[in-house]
Amino acid sequence: EPYIYHEFDEDFVGSPITVLVTGFLRSEAAFSSFGERSGRDEASQVAL
């Protein structure tokens, strides 16, 4: 799930791009269900 932090002059939606992974924001984590993952995401948003 790449995040692109940059302002572009043109919209590139629908265009082919190449993604080079140079780092990550958080480690991988195992979840028993989508609901568990969703709940953790909501808790993180509240914390921010």
N, C-alpha and C. Protein backbone atom coordinates (compact mmCIF):
# COMPACT_ATOMS: atom_id res chain seq x y z
N GLU A 1 0.85 -1.17 0.00
CA GLU A 1 0.00 0.00 0.00
C GLU A 1 0.90 1.24 0.00
N PRO A 2 1.31 1.70 -1.17
CA PRO A 2 2.20 2.86 -1.20
C PRO A 2 1.45 4.18 -0.98
N TYR A 3 2.11 5.07 -0.30
CA TYR A 3 1.62 6.44 -0.12
C TYR A 3 2.57 7.35 -0.87
N ILE A 4 2.05 8.26 -1.67
CA ILE A 4 2.88 9.17 -2.45
C ILE A 4 2.73 10.57 -1.86
N TYR A 5 3.79 11.04 -1.21
CA TYR A 5 3.79 12.36 -0.58
C TYR A 5 4.52 13.34 -1.48
N HIS A 6 3.81 13.94 -2.40
CA HIS A 6 4.41 14.91 -3.31
C HIS A 6 3.30 15.66 -4.02
N GLU A 7 3.52 16.88 -4.34
CA GLU A 7 2.57 17.67 -5.13
C GLU A 7 2.97 17.56 -6.60
N PHE A 8 2.05 17.12 -7.44
CA PHE A 8 2.30 16.98 -8.87
C PHE A 8 1.51 18.03 -9.64
N ASP A 9 2.08 18.51 -10.73
CA ASP A 9 1.40 19.50 -11.57
C ASP A 9 0.23 18.89 -12.34
N GLU A 10 0.33 17.59 -12.66
CA GLU A 10 -0.71 16.93 -13.44
C GLU A 10 -1.25 15.72 -12.70
N ASP A 11 -2.48 15.33 -13.02
CA ASP A 11 -3.10 14.14 -12.46
C ASP A 11 -2.57 12.92 -13.20
N PHE A 12 -2.11 11.91 -12.48
CA PHE A 12 -1.59 10.71 -13.13
C PHE A 12 -2.47 9.48 -12.89
N VAL A 13 -3.69 9.68 -12.42
CA VAL A 13 -4.62 8.58 -12.21
C VAL A 13 -4.85 7.86 -13.53
N GLY A 14 -4.73 6.54 -13.53
CA GLY A 14 -4.91 5.74 -14.73
C GLY A 14 -3.64 5.55 -15.53
N SER A 15 -2.58 6.26 -15.17
CA SER A 15 -1.31 6.14 -15.87
C SER A 15 -0.46 5.06 -15.21
N PRO A 16 0.32 4.33 -15.99
CA PRO A 16 1.22 3.35 -15.38
C PRO A 16 2.35 4.08 -14.64
N ILE A 17 2.69 3.58 -13.46
CA ILE A 17 3.79 4.16 -12.69
C ILE A 17 4.68 3.03 -12.18
N THR A 18 5.89 3.36 -11.82
CA THR A 18 6.81 2.43 -11.19
C THR A 18 7.01 2.90 -9.75
N VAL A 19 6.91 1.97 -8.80
CA VAL A 19 7.06 2.31 -7.39
C VAL A 19 8.33 1.66 -6.87
N LEU A 20 9.21 2.46 -6.30
CA LEU A 20 10.43 1.97 -5.68
C LEU A 20 10.27 2.14 -4.17
N VAL A 21 10.25 1.04 -3.45
CA VAL A 21 10.06 1.09 -1.99
C VAL A 21 11.40 1.46 -1.34
N THR A 22 11.41 2.56 -0.61
CA THR A 22 12.63 3.02 0.04
C THR A 22 12.52 3.02 1.57
N GLY A 23 11.33 2.74 2.08
CA GLY A 23 11.12 2.71 3.52
C GLY A 23 9.70 2.32 3.82
N PHE A 24 9.36 2.30 5.09
CA PHE A 24 7.99 1.96 5.47
C PHE A 24 7.58 2.77 6.68
N LEU A 25 6.27 2.94 6.83
CA LEU A 25 5.73 3.72 7.94
C LEU A 25 5.47 2.87 9.17
N ARG A 26 5.11 1.61 8.96
CA ARG A 26 4.84 0.73 10.10
C ARG A 26 5.16 -0.71 9.70
N SER A 27 5.47 -1.51 10.69
CA SER A 27 5.78 -2.92 10.46
C SER A 27 4.52 -3.68 10.08
N GLU A 28 4.73 -4.85 9.48
CA GLU A 28 3.59 -5.71 9.18
C GLU A 28 3.02 -6.25 10.48
N ALA A 29 1.73 -6.49 10.49
CA ALA A 29 1.07 -7.04 11.67
C ALA A 29 -0.01 -8.01 11.22
N ALA A 30 -0.21 -9.06 12.01
CA ALA A 30 -1.24 -10.05 11.71
C ALA A 30 -2.53 -9.67 12.44
N PHE A 31 -3.66 -9.81 11.76
CA PHE A 31 -4.96 -9.53 12.34
C PHE A 31 -5.85 -10.74 12.12
N SER A 32 -6.66 -11.07 13.11
CA SER A 32 -7.53 -12.23 13.00
C SER A 32 -8.75 -11.96 12.12
N SER A 33 -9.07 -10.67 11.91
CA SER A 33 -10.23 -10.32 11.07
C SER A 33 -10.07 -8.90 10.56
N PHE A 34 -10.87 -8.56 9.55
CA PHE A 34 -10.87 -7.19 9.04
C PHE A 34 -11.36 -6.22 10.10
N GLY A 35 -12.33 -6.66 10.90
CA GLY A 35 -12.87 -5.81 11.96
C GLY A 35 -11.81 -5.42 12.98
N GLU A 36 -10.94 -6.37 13.32
CA GLU A 36 -9.86 -6.06 14.26
C GLU A 36 -8.93 -5.01 13.67
N ARG A 37 -8.60 -5.17 12.41
CA ARG A 37 -7.72 -4.20 11.74
C ARG A 37 -8.38 -2.83 11.68
N SER A 38 -9.63 -2.80 11.31
CA SER A 38 -10.37 -1.55 11.20
C SER A 38 -10.42 -0.83 12.55
N GLY A 39 -10.64 -1.59 13.61
CA GLY A 39 -10.68 -1.01 14.95
C GLY A 39 -9.36 -0.39 15.36
N ARG A 40 -8.27 -1.04 15.00
CA ARG A 40 -6.95 -0.48 15.33
C ARG A 40 -6.69 0.78 14.52
N ASP A 41 -7.11 0.80 13.26
CA ASP A 41 -6.95 2.01 12.44
C ASP A 41 -7.72 3.17 13.05
N GLU A 42 -8.94 2.92 13.50
CA GLU A 42 -9.75 3.98 14.10
C GLU A 42 -9.10 4.49 15.39
N ALA A 43 -8.55 3.59 16.18
CA ALA A 43 -7.88 3.99 17.42
C ALA A 43 -6.65 4.84 17.11
N SER A 44 -5.93 4.50 16.05
CA SER A 44 -4.75 5.28 15.66
C SER A 44 -5.15 6.68 15.22
N GLN A 45 -6.25 6.80 14.51
CA GLN A 45 -6.71 8.11 14.05
C GLN A 45 -7.09 8.99 15.23
N VAL A 46 -7.73 8.41 16.22
CA VAL A 46 -8.12 9.17 17.41
C VAL A 46 -6.88 9.64 18.15
N ALA A 47 -5.85 8.78 18.21
CA ALA A 47 -4.61 9.13 18.91
C ALA A 47 -3.89 10.29 18.23
N LEU A 48 -4.02 10.39 16.92
CA LEU A 48 -3.34 11.48 16.20
C LEU A 48 -4.05 12.78 16.47
